Amino acid sequence: MSVDSIPTRVLEIPVGTPIAEVERALILATLDHYWGNKRKAAEELGISLKTLYLRLHRYGLPVKLEDLRDALKGQPGGDAA
């Protein structure tokens, strides 16, 4: 990741948080940052688009953009409109 592509938002995650919760929060925050653009989020996370879809499914997160926006609104710091 280049310095220019580093997102400005910072996540605060307490020590001892289970890895699955950290991964879920990071995916949601990245999707929020890129306005639900899954291709861009996957690129920035360093995973394939297929892997992102698998993670969304694993964590019970919606795949459709409009449903994803609703999920993001329920997250701390979720700004999706």
Protein backbone atom coordinates (compact mmCIF):
# COMPACT_ATOMS: atom_id res chain seq x y z
CA MET A 1 0.00 0.00 0.00
CA SER A 2 1.43 3.39 -0.93
CA VAL A 3 1.49 6.34 1.45
CA ASP A 4 -1.04 8.13 -0.77
CA SER A 5 -3.57 5.31 -0.41
CA ILE A 6 -3.51 5.06 3.38
CA PRO A 7 -7.03 5.77 4.65
CA THR A 8 -7.42 8.67 7.06
CA ARG A 9 -9.86 6.89 9.37
CA VAL A 10 -8.39 5.06 12.35
CA LEU A 11 -10.00 2.14 14.15
CA GLU A 12 -9.53 1.76 17.87
CA ILE A 13 -9.65 -1.90 18.79
CA PRO A 14 -9.21 -3.01 22.40
CA VAL A 15 -6.44 -5.50 23.17
CA GLY A 16 -7.94 -8.96 23.48
CA THR A 17 -10.60 -8.45 20.80
CA PRO A 18 -11.08 -11.73 18.91
CA ILE A 19 -9.48 -11.74 15.47
CA ALA A 20 -12.82 -12.44 13.79
CA GLU A 21 -14.30 -9.27 15.32
CA VAL A 22 -11.25 -7.26 14.25
CA GLU A 23 -11.48 -8.59 10.68
CA ARG A 24 -15.22 -7.87 10.52
CA ALA A 25 -14.72 -4.32 11.82
CA LEU A 26 -11.86 -3.70 9.39
CA ILE A 27 -13.90 -4.94 6.43
CA LEU A 28 -16.87 -2.78 7.40
CA ALA A 29 -14.71 0.30 7.99
CA THR A 30 -12.96 -0.17 4.65
CA LEU A 31 -16.25 -0.63 2.82
CA ASP A 32 -17.58 2.47 4.57
CA HIS A 33 -14.48 4.44 3.59
CA TYR A 34 -14.95 3.46 -0.08
CA TRP A 35 -18.72 4.01 -0.07
CA GLY A 36 -19.47 0.29 -0.42
CA ASN A 37 -17.14 -0.20 -3.40
CA LYS A 38 -16.23 -3.85 -2.83
CA ARG A 39 -13.59 -4.00 -5.55
CA LYS A 40 -11.70 -1.01 -4.11
CA ALA A 41 -12.10 -2.26 -0.53
CA ALA A 42 -10.72 -5.69 -1.46
CA GLU A 43 -7.79 -4.05 -3.25
CA GLU A 44 -6.94 -1.89 -0.23
CA LEU A 45 -7.31 -4.84 2.16
CA GLY A 46 -4.91 -6.85 -0.02
CA ILE A 47 -7.43 -9.62 -0.70
CA SER A 48 -9.24 -10.80 -3.79
CA LEU A 49 -12.79 -9.74 -4.48
CA LYS A 50 -13.81 -13.40 -4.09
CA THR A 51 -12.20 -13.49 -0.63
CA LEU A 52 -14.07 -10.34 0.36
CA TYR A 53 -17.37 -11.92 -0.70
CA LEU A 54 -16.48 -15.05 1.29
CA ARG A 55 -15.74 -12.91 4.38
CA LEU A 56 -19.00 -10.99 3.98
CA HIS A 57 -20.81 -14.32 3.91
CA ARG A 58 -18.79 -15.67 6.88
CA TYR A 59 -19.75 -12.69 9.05
CA GLY A 60 -23.37 -12.64 7.91
CA LEU A 61 -22.95 -9.29 6.20
CA PRO A 62 -25.09 -8.32 3.20
CA VAL A 63 -23.63 -8.34 -0.29
CA LYS A 64 -26.10 -5.96 -1.94
CA LEU A 65 -24.99 -2.34 -1.72
CA GLU A 66 -28.28 -0.99 -0.32
CA ASP A 67 -28.35 -3.68 2.39
CA LEU A 68 -24.68 -3.09 3.14
CA ARG A 69 -25.37 0.61 3.70
CA ASP A 70 -27.95 -0.32 6.32
CA ALA A 71 -25.39 -2.57 8.05
CA LEU A 72 -22.80 0.22 7.99
CA LYS A 73 -25.21 2.67 9.60
CA GLY A 74 -25.43 0.33 12.57
CA GLN A 75 -21.66 0.28 13.10
CA PRO A 76 -19.81 2.71 15.37
CA GLY A 77 -18.55 5.45 13.08
CA GLY A 78 -20.60 4.17 10.14
CA ASP A 79 -21.17 7.09 7.82
CA ALA A 80 -22.76 5.42 4.81
CA ALA A 81 -25.85 7.20 3.59
